[in-house]
Every structure is written in C-alpha cells, then in structure tokens.
C-alpha atoms as a PDB file:
ATOM      1  CA  MET A   1      60.430 -12.159 -54.143  1.00  0.00           C
ATOM      2  CA  ARG A   2      57.100 -11.656 -56.243  1.00  0.00           C
ATOM      3  CA  GLU A   3      56.656 -15.408 -56.154  1.00  0.00           C
ATOM      4  CA  LEU A   4      56.733 -15.035 -52.200  1.00  0.00           C
ATOM      5  CA  ASN A   5      54.702 -12.068 -51.652  1.00  0.00           C
ATOM      6  CA  GLU A   6      52.320 -13.805 -54.320  1.00  0.00           C
ATOM      7  CA  CYS A   7      52.122 -16.733 -52.037  1.00  0.00           C
ATOM      8  CA  LYS A   8      51.668 -14.800 -48.959  1.00  0.00           C
ATOM      9  CA  ALA A   9      48.812 -12.822 -50.109  1.00  0.00           C
ATOM     10  CA  GLU A  10      47.416 -16.280 -51.426  1.00  0.00           C
ATOM     11  CA  ILE A  11      47.521 -17.695 -48.020  1.00  0.00           C
ATOM     12  CA  LEU A  12      45.953 -14.218 -46.225  1.00  0.00           C
ATOM     13  CA  ARG A  13      43.252 -14.104 -49.038  1.00  0.00           C
ATOM     14  CA  ARG A  14      42.273 -18.012 -47.993  1.00  0.00           C
ATOM     15  CA  SER A  15      42.643 -17.321 -44.209  1.00  0.00           C
ATOM     16  CA  GLU A  16      40.170 -14.410 -44.848  1.00  0.00           C
ATOM     17  CA  ASN A  17      37.605 -16.674 -46.536  1.00  0.00           C
ATOM     18  CA  ARG A  18      37.907 -19.016 -44.239  1.00  0.00           C
ATOM     19  CA  ILE A  19      37.307 -16.507 -41.350  1.00  0.00           C
ATOM     20  CA  LYS A  20      34.158 -15.280 -43.637  1.00  0.00           C
ATOM     21  CA  GLU A  21      32.712 -18.626 -43.826  1.00  0.00           C
ATOM     22  CA  ARG A  22      32.777 -19.242 -40.135  1.00  0.00           C
ATOM     23  CA  ARG A  23      30.973 -16.086 -39.499  1.00  0.00           C
ATOM     24  CA  ARG A  24      28.647 -16.845 -41.933  1.00  0.00           C
ATOM     25  CA  LYS A  25      27.675 -20.291 -40.426  1.00  0.00           C
ATOM     26  CA  ARG A  26      27.457 -18.773 -36.859  1.00  0.00           C
ATOM     27  CA  ILE A  27      24.771 -16.456 -38.137  1.00  0.00           C
ATOM     28  CA  ARG A  28      23.041 -19.236 -39.708  1.00  0.00           C
ATOM     29  CA  VAL A  29      23.089 -21.406 -36.638  1.00  0.00           C
ATOM     30  CA  LEU A  30      21.711 -18.310 -34.666  1.00  0.00           C
ATOM     31  CA  ALA A  31      19.124 -17.501 -36.913  1.00  0.00           C
ATOM     32  CA  LEU A  32      17.909 -20.848 -36.572  1.00  0.00           C
ATOM     33  CA  CYS A  33      18.475 -21.034 -32.694  1.00  0.00           C
ATOM     34  CA  ILE A  34      16.898 -17.572 -31.798  1.00  0.00           C
ATOM     35  CA  PRO A  35      13.307 -18.294 -33.076  1.00  0.00           C
ATOM     36  CA  LEU A  36      13.257 -21.502 -31.430  1.00  0.00           C
ATOM     37  CA  CYS A  37      14.156 -20.230 -28.278  1.00  0.00           C
ATOM     38  CA  MET A  38      11.388 -17.719 -28.354  1.00  0.00           C
ATOM     39  CA  ALA A  39       8.967 -20.489 -29.368  1.00  0.00           C
ATOM     40  CA  LEU A  40      10.081 -22.496 -26.469  1.00  0.00           C
ATOM     41  CA  THR A  41       9.559 -19.477 -24.086  1.00  0.00           C
ATOM     42  CA  VAL A  42       6.148 -18.512 -25.516  1.00  0.00           C
ATOM     43  CA  LEU A  43       4.963 -22.348 -25.152  1.00  0.00           C
ATOM     44  CA  THR A  44       6.439 -22.627 -21.388  1.00  0.00           C
ATOM     45  CA  VAL A  45       4.614 -19.298 -20.551  1.00  0.00           C
ATOM     46  CA  VAL A  46       1.566 -20.941 -22.508  1.00  0.00           C
ATOM     47  CA  LEU A  47       1.440 -24.295 -20.762  1.00  0.00           C
ATOM     48  CA  LEU A  48       2.872 -24.191 -17.218  1.00  0.00           C
ATOM     49  CA  PRO A  49       0.223 -22.596 -15.451  1.00  0.00           C
ATOM     50  CA  ALA A  50      -2.398 -24.967 -16.550  1.00  0.00           C
ATOM     51  CA  ASN A  51      -0.381 -27.731 -15.717  1.00  0.00           C
ATOM     52  CA  SER A  52       1.123 -26.807 -12.406  1.00  0.00           C
ATOM     53  CA  PRO A  53      -0.366 -27.745  -9.541  1.00  0.00           C
ATOM     54  CA  ALA A  54      -2.324 -26.128  -7.047  1.00  0.00           C
ATOM     55  CA  TRP A  55       0.597 -23.955  -5.628  1.00  0.00           C
ATOM     56  CA  TYR A  56       3.142 -22.378  -7.594  1.00  0.00           C
ATOM     57  CA  GLY A  57       5.476 -19.564  -6.827  1.00  0.00           C
ATOM     58  CA  ASN A  58       7.605 -16.940  -7.955  1.00  0.00           C
ATOM     59  CA  THR A  59       9.440 -18.848 -10.664  1.00  0.00           C
ATOM     60  CA  LEU A  60       6.512 -19.326 -12.867  1.00  0.00           C
ATOM     61  CA  GLY A  61       5.218 -15.995 -13.104  1.00  0.00           C
ATOM     62  CA  GLY A  62       5.078 -12.206 -11.512  1.00  0.00           C
ATOM     63  CA  VAL A  63       7.078  -9.337 -12.331  1.00  0.00           C
ATOM     64  CA  ILE A  64       8.881  -7.650  -9.431  1.00  0.00           C
ATOM     65  CA  SER A  65       9.669  -4.011  -9.877  1.00  0.00           C
ATOM     66  CA  THR A  66      10.275  -1.333  -7.063  1.00  0.00           C
ATOM     67  CA  ASP A  67       8.521   1.651  -6.359  1.00  0.00           C
ATOM     68  CA  GLY A  68      10.832   3.812  -3.590  1.00  0.00           C
ATOM     69  CA  ASP A  69      11.422   1.355  -0.943  1.00  0.00           C
ATOM     70  CA  HIS A  70       8.502  -1.052  -1.590  1.00  0.00           C
ATOM     71  CA  GLU A  71       8.254  -4.199  -3.577  1.00  0.00           C
ATOM     72  CA  LEU A  72       5.590  -3.980  -6.093  1.00  0.00           C
ATOM     73  CA  VAL A  73       3.877  -7.281  -7.843  1.00  0.00           C
ATOM     74  CA  ASP A  74       2.837  -7.389 -11.461  1.00  0.00           C
ATOM     75  CA  CYS A  75       1.175 -10.832 -11.927  1.00  0.00           C
ATOM     76  CA  SER A  76      -0.344 -12.369 -15.312  1.00  0.00           C
ATOM     77  CA  LEU A  77      -0.929 -15.920 -14.185  1.00  0.00           C
ATOM     78  CA  ASP A  78      -3.801 -17.142 -15.634  1.00  0.00           C
ATOM     79  CA  VAL A  79      -6.536 -18.076 -13.147  1.00  0.00           C
ATOM     80  CA  GLY A  80      -9.435 -18.631 -15.339  1.00  0.00           C
ATOM     81  CA  ASP A  81     -12.213 -15.982 -15.766  1.00  0.00           C
ATOM     82  CA  ASN A  82     -13.843 -16.126 -12.492  1.00  0.00           C
ATOM     83  CA  GLY A  83     -11.753 -15.946  -9.172  1.00  0.00           C
ATOM     84  CA  TYR A  84     -14.226 -17.808  -7.412  1.00  0.00           C
ATOM     85  CA  LEU A  85     -13.925 -20.982  -9.410  1.00  0.00           C
ATOM     86  CA  ASP A  86     -12.231 -24.335  -8.500  1.00  0.00           C
ATOM     87  CA  GLY A  87     -13.021 -23.894  -4.786  1.00  0.00           C
ATOM     88  CA  PHE A  88     -10.700 -21.159  -3.810  1.00  0.00           C
ATOM     89  CA  SER A  89     -11.086 -19.031  -1.264  1.00  0.00           C
ATOM     90  CA  PHE A  90      -9.124 -17.020   1.311  1.00  0.00           C
ATOM     91  CA  SER A  91      -9.302 -15.378   4.783  1.00  0.00           C
ATOM     92  CA  LEU A  92      -7.056 -12.577   6.260  1.00  0.00           C
ATOM     93  CA  THR A  93      -7.058 -11.547   9.838  1.00  0.00           C
ATOM     94  CA  TRP A  94      -4.714  -8.256  10.389  1.00  0.00           C
ATOM     95  CA  GLY A  95      -4.225  -4.866  12.102  1.00  0.00           C
ATOM     96  CA  CYS A  96      -3.286  -3.985  15.932  1.00  0.00           C
ATOM     97  CA  TYR A  97      -3.564  -7.414  17.275  1.00  0.00           C
ATOM     98  CA  GLY A  98      -5.589  -8.472  14.718  1.00  0.00           C
ATOM     99  CA  ILE A  99      -8.503  -6.765  14.923  1.00  0.00           C
ATOM    100  CA  SER A 100     -10.015  -7.086  11.718  1.00  0.00           C
ATOM    101  CA  SER A 101     -10.447  -9.656   9.100  1.00  0.00           C
ATOM    102  CA  TYR A 102     -12.467 -10.923   6.115  1.00  0.00           C
ATOM    103  CA  ASP A 103     -13.785 -14.488   4.718  1.00  0.00           C
ATOM    104  CA  SER A 104     -14.029 -14.633   1.046  1.00  0.00           C
ATOM    105  CA  ALA A 105     -16.126 -17.876   1.515  1.00  0.00           C
ATOM    106  CA  SER A 106     -18.595 -16.195   4.017  1.00  0.00           C
ATOM    107  CA  GLY A 107     -18.049 -12.789   3.111  1.00  0.00           C
ATOM    108  CA  LYS A 108     -17.826 -11.697   6.613  1.00  0.00           C
ATOM    109  CA  LEU A 109     -16.261  -8.781   7.097  1.00  0.00           C
ATOM    110  CA  VAL A 110     -15.215  -6.954  10.661  1.00  0.00           C
ATOM    111  CA  LYS A 111     -13.634  -4.064  10.662  1.00  0.00           C
ATOM    112  CA  THR A 112     -12.640  -4.073  14.443  1.00  0.00           C
ATOM    113  CA  THR A 113     -13.331  -6.569  17.625  1.00  0.00           C
ATOM    114  CA  ASP A 114     -12.529  -3.663  20.065  1.00  0.00           C
ATOM    115  CA  ALA A 115     -15.505  -1.808  20.269  1.00  0.00           C
ATOM    116  CA  SER A 116     -18.536  -1.112  22.716  1.00  0.00           C
ATOM    117  CA  VAL A 117     -20.819  -2.839  20.264  1.00  0.00           C
ATOM    118  CA  PRO A 118     -18.566  -4.974  18.231  1.00  0.00           C
ATOM    119  CA  GLU A 119     -22.051  -5.973  15.990  1.00  0.00           C
ATOM    120  CA  ASP A 120     -21.775  -2.390  14.720  1.00  0.00           C
ATOM    121  CA  TYR A 121     -18.464  -3.157  13.175  1.00  0.00           C
ATOM    122  CA  VAL A 122     -19.700  -6.233  11.066  1.00  0.00           C
ATOM    123  CA  THR A 123     -20.958  -6.352   7.469  1.00  0.00           C
ATOM    124  CA  TYR A 124     -20.804  -8.540   4.623  1.00  0.00           C
ATOM    125  CA  CYS A 125     -18.721  -7.900   1.258  1.00  0.00           C
ATOM    126  CA  ASN A 126     -18.600 -10.250  -2.015  1.00  0.00           C
ATOM    127  CA  LEU A 127     -15.589  -9.004  -3.523  1.00  0.00           C
ATOM    128  CA  ASP A 128     -16.324  -8.458  -7.652  1.00  0.00           C
ATOM    129  CA  THR A 129     -14.693 -10.902  -9.899  1.00  0.00           C
ATOM    130  CA  GLY A 130     -11.993  -8.594 -10.515  1.00  0.00           C
ATOM    131  CA  ASP A 131     -10.677  -8.116  -7.061  1.00  0.00           C
ATOM    132  CA  MET A 132     -10.866 -11.826  -6.351  1.00  0.00           C
ATOM    133  CA  LYS A 133      -8.953 -12.920  -9.617  1.00  0.00           C
ATOM    134  CA  ARG A 134      -5.962 -10.157  -8.316  1.00  0.00           C
ATOM    135  CA  ILE A 135      -6.377 -11.425  -4.955  1.00  0.00           C
ATOM    136  CA  ARG A 136      -5.617 -14.883  -6.493  1.00  0.00           C
ATOM    137  CA  GLU A 137      -3.020 -14.262  -8.506  1.00  0.00           C
ATOM    138  CA  LEU A 138      -1.088 -12.573  -5.581  1.00  0.00           C
ATOM    139  CA  LEU A 139      -1.563 -15.776  -3.438  1.00  0.00           C
ATOM    140  CA  LEU A 140      -0.535 -17.974  -6.238  1.00  0.00           C
ATOM    141  CA  TRP A 141       2.695 -15.899  -6.736  1.00  0.00           C
ATOM    142  CA  LEU A 142       3.352 -15.926  -3.182  1.00  0.00           C
ATOM    143  CA  ASP A 143       3.407 -19.638  -2.595  1.00  0.00           C
ATOM    144  CA  VAL A 144       2.040 -20.067   0.887  1.00  0.00           C
ATOM    145  CA  SER A 145       2.948 -23.494   0.883  1.00  0.00           C
ATOM    146  CA  ASP A 146       6.541 -22.357   1.079  1.00  0.00           C
ATOM    147  CA  TYR A 147       5.937 -20.797   4.453  1.00  0.00           C
ATOM    148  CA  PRO A 148       5.758 -22.128   7.745  1.00  0.00           C
ATOM    149  CA  ASP A 149       2.562 -22.487  10.171  1.00  0.00           C
ATOM    150  CA  ASN A 150       3.540 -19.701  12.363  1.00  0.00           C
ATOM    151  CA  TYR A 151       6.181 -17.012  10.754  1.00  0.00           C
ATOM    152  CA  ASP A 152       8.142 -14.049  11.528  1.00  0.00           C
ATOM    153  CA  PRO A 153       8.119 -12.038   8.206  1.00  0.00           C
ATOM    154  CA  GLN A 154      10.697  -9.242   9.893  1.00  0.00           C
ATOM    155  CA  ASN A 155      12.765 -11.977  11.463  1.00  0.00           C
ATOM    156  CA  ASN A 156      15.414  -9.329  12.818  1.00  0.00           C
ATOM    157  CA  GLY A 157      13.934  -9.274  16.481  1.00  0.00           C
ATOM    158  CA  LEU A 158      11.803  -5.953  15.555  1.00  0.00           C
ATOM    159  CA  ALA A 159       9.159  -5.626  18.093  1.00  0.00           C
ATOM    160  CA  SER A 160       6.457  -2.703  18.581  1.00  0.00           C
ATOM    161  CA  GLU A 161       3.563  -1.854  20.753  1.00  0.00           C
ATOM    162  CA  PRO A 162       1.194  -2.101  19.818  1.00  0.00           C
ATOM    163  CA  SER A 163       1.967  -5.292  17.870  1.00  0.00           C
ATOM    164  CA  MET A 164       0.534  -6.494  14.366  1.00  0.00           C
ATOM    165  CA  THR A 165      -0.947  -9.883  13.560  1.00  0.00           C
ATOM    166  CA  LEU A 166      -1.489 -11.155   9.952  1.00  0.00           C
ATOM    167  CA  VAL A 167      -3.060 -14.525  10.086  1.00  0.00           C
ATOM    168  CA  LEU A 168      -3.663 -15.731   6.222  1.00  0.00           C
ATOM    169  CA  THR A 169      -5.474 -18.913   4.989  1.00  0.00           C
ATOM    170  CA  VAL A 170      -5.783 -20.095   1.420  1.00  0.00           C
ATOM    171  CA  LYS A 171      -8.038 -22.918   0.198  1.00  0.00           C
ATOM    172  CA  THR A 172      -8.584 -24.396  -3.201  1.00  0.00           C
ATOM    173  CA  ALA A 173     -10.971 -27.600  -3.665  1.00  0.00           C
ATOM    174  CA  ASP A 174      -8.390 -29.936  -2.048  1.00  0.00           C
ATOM    175  CA  THR A 175      -6.044 -27.825  -0.136  1.00  0.00           C
ATOM    176  CA  GLU A 176      -5.792 -25.712   2.862  1.00  0.00           C
ATOM    177  CA  ARG A 177      -2.918 -23.512   4.258  1.00  0.00           C
ATOM    178  CA  THR A 178      -2.531 -20.798   6.905  1.00  0.00           C
ATOM    179  CA  VAL A 179       0.517 -19.129   8.031  1.00  0.00           C
ATOM    180  CA  LYS A 180       0.337 -16.880  11.173  1.00  0.00           C
ATOM    181  CA  ALA A 181       2.683 -13.984  11.837  1.00  0.00           C
ATOM    182  CA  GLU A 182       1.178 -13.149  15.395  1.00  0.00           C
ATOM    183  CA  ASN A 183       2.485 -10.095  17.411  1.00  0.00           C
ATOM    184  CA  ILE A 184       4.900  -8.813  14.812  1.00  0.00           C
ATOM    185  CA  ALA A 185       6.434  -5.239  14.590  1.00  0.00           C
ATOM    186  CA  LEU A 186       3.691  -2.649  13.412  1.00  0.00           C
ATOM    187  CA  SER A 187       5.150  -2.396  10.074  1.00  0.00           C
ATOM    188  CA  TYR A 188       5.087  -3.817   6.580  1.00  0.00           C
ATOM    189  CA  GLU A 189       8.710  -3.635   6.023  1.00  0.00           C
ATOM    190  CA  ALA A 190      10.758  -6.454   6.075  1.00  0.00           C
ATOM    191  CA  ASP A 191      14.867  -7.043   5.804  1.00  0.00           C
ATOM    192  CA  ASN A 192      14.431  -9.987   3.679  1.00  0.00           C
ATOM    193  CA  PRO A 193      13.023 -10.771   0.372  1.00  0.00           C
ATOM    194  CA  LYS A 194      10.605 -13.875   1.369  1.00  0.00           C
ATOM    195  CA  GLY A 195       9.327 -11.926   4.632  1.00  0.00           C
ATOM    196  CA  GLN A 196       8.814  -8.361   2.329  1.00  0.00           C
ATOM    197  CA  ARG A 197       6.944 -10.671  -0.447  1.00  0.00           C
ATOM    198  CA  PHE A 198       4.451 -11.708   2.178  1.00  0.00           C
ATOM    199  CA  LEU A 199       3.975  -8.389   3.888  1.00  0.00           C
ATOM    200  CA  ASN A 200       3.497  -6.954   0.386  1.00  0.00           C
ATOM    201  CA  VAL A 201       0.900  -9.493  -0.559  1.00  0.00           C
ATOM    202  CA  CYS A 202      -0.932  -9.381   2.589  1.00  0.00           C
ATOM    203  CA  LYS A 203      -1.007  -5.388   2.298  1.00  0.00           C
ATOM    204  CA  GLU A 204      -2.277  -5.435  -0.998  1.00  0.00           C
ATOM    205  CA  ILE A 205      -5.020  -7.549   0.053  1.00  0.00           C
ATOM    206  CA  ILE A 206      -5.715  -5.095   2.800  1.00  0.00           C
ATOM    207  CA  ASP A 207      -5.846  -2.121   0.449  1.00  0.00           C
ATOM    208  CA  ILE A 208      -8.561  -4.140  -1.674  1.00  0.00           C
ATOM    209  CA  ILE A 209     -10.680  -4.880   1.111  1.00  0.00           C
ATOM    210  CA  THR A 210     -10.945  -1.588   2.620  1.00  0.00           C
ATOM    211  CA  ASP A 211     -11.527   0.316  -0.764  1.00  0.00           C
ATOM    212  CA  THR A 212     -14.828  -1.590  -0.887  1.00  0.00           C
ATOM    213  CA  GLU A 213     -18.086   0.461  -0.089  1.00  0.00           C
ATOM    214  CA  GLU A 214     -18.845  -2.000   2.591  1.00  0.00           C
ATOM    215  CA  TRP A 215     -15.743  -1.096   4.491  1.00  0.00           C
ATOM    216  CA  LYS A 216     -16.060   2.495   4.228  1.00  0.00           C
ATOM    217  CA  ALA A 217     -19.670   1.983   5.103  1.00  0.00           C
ATOM    218  CA  LEU A 218     -19.019   0.924   8.259  1.00  0.00           C
ATOM    219  CA  PRO A 219     -18.437   3.122  11.379  1.00  0.00           C
ATOM    220  CA  ASP A 220     -15.265   5.065  12.342  1.00  0.00           C
ATOM    221  CA  TYR A 221     -12.913   3.374  14.991  1.00  0.00           C
ATOM    222  CA  GLU A 222     -13.837   3.724  18.551  1.00  0.00           C
ATOM    223  CA  PHE A 223     -11.000   3.361  20.075  1.00  0.00           C
ATOM    224  CA  PHE A 224      -7.271   3.931  18.183  1.00  0.00           C
ATOM    225  CA  TYR A 225      -3.627   2.805  19.611  1.00  0.00           C
ATOM    226  CA  ASP A 226      -0.792   5.295  19.635  1.00  0.00           C
END
C-alpha cells in the first residue's frame, strides 16, 4: 500500500512539474512577444502617415470620444510644421442657404451674401499656422474621397425651413475634391456615424473661422432667419 501511495505521489509531482514548466514557457514567450508588438505598433504609427497617399482616413489616426450627444475628434496626425505646405488649401460654404464662405487659398471671407450692401460683409483673413494645421488634420481624418459629390449626411428625410447648405472643397498639389450637402436640415446632428463625422468636421472648421478677429469685425447680420 505504501508503494502505491508513493507511486501516486511521484506521478502527481511529475504532473505538477510539467504544468509549471509549461507555464514558464508561456511566460517567456509572452515576455518576448509583448515588447515586439509594442515596437511594431510604434513603428506603424511613425511610418504610416508619412508614407500614406494624399487622402487617408479614420483608420490611420484620430481618436473619437464623446461629449454629451456630440462626437469629438482628437487628431494627432503628422501634417508637417506648416498647414499651408504641399499645395494644401480648402474652401467651405455654410449656413442658411449657403450664405457664408471662406477660401483659404485667397483668404476671402464672406459673412453673408444676403444684405443690402453685400460688399460690407466681405473681408480677407489668413488663418494662422496652428488653425491651418488643425483644419488639415481634420480633413485628413475625414477623408473626403470617401464621400460622394452630392451628399446628404442626415440621410433620413429630415428637412427644415430655412434649410442649410455645406459645400466643402479640399485641394492638395495634385488632387481636388468637393462634397456638396445642399438644402439639408438646419442641424449638425446625423443618425449615422459617417454623416456625423462630416457634420462635426464642418462645424469645427466653421467655429475656427468665426472665432477670428476678421470675422468678428464684420457687421452684424442685416437679415435673420426664423
């Protein structure tokens, strides 16, 4: 009986030793793999933006978080030291019926076209480097090539009176894309992620433009829409 118990104990001891050895091997493998995976991740983040084509989208950068009912974009894409490099420029038309506009190439800023003297609502504004870099990051993250020429970001039959128009054009040294969202509901809310992304980017660009001293120096609107 004693020999049987000793045999069982020896079998149990060997089994435990084998289990411990397998655990040690797995730990050694993980200890090698984790640093390698981290190194590959860092290398991917560093190299991809520099080697990507002119337009690349959300998969290569941009962290999305939420603030109440709104999506926020926190981009960390490498766009160089100067937002004006590489032939990059953009233009945006926005507002009720599309009465406001800005063109970064010319610097022309129009507060409204609906006025007795429209010329009083026109000025010129060169956005500073920080604002241009931020806008370029947003537009790279948006990837306008993923949107059709004529687009309804709300895409749910929603309408309003007055309506809203957004026309976004993005240019680089060798590409140009325009996305028109004409006569959509006067709201920056959409029921789909792609449409919400487009509206969020347009809204943040508008906020940057309307926060400039040049915009603030223009007269108040002559006509308002209910």
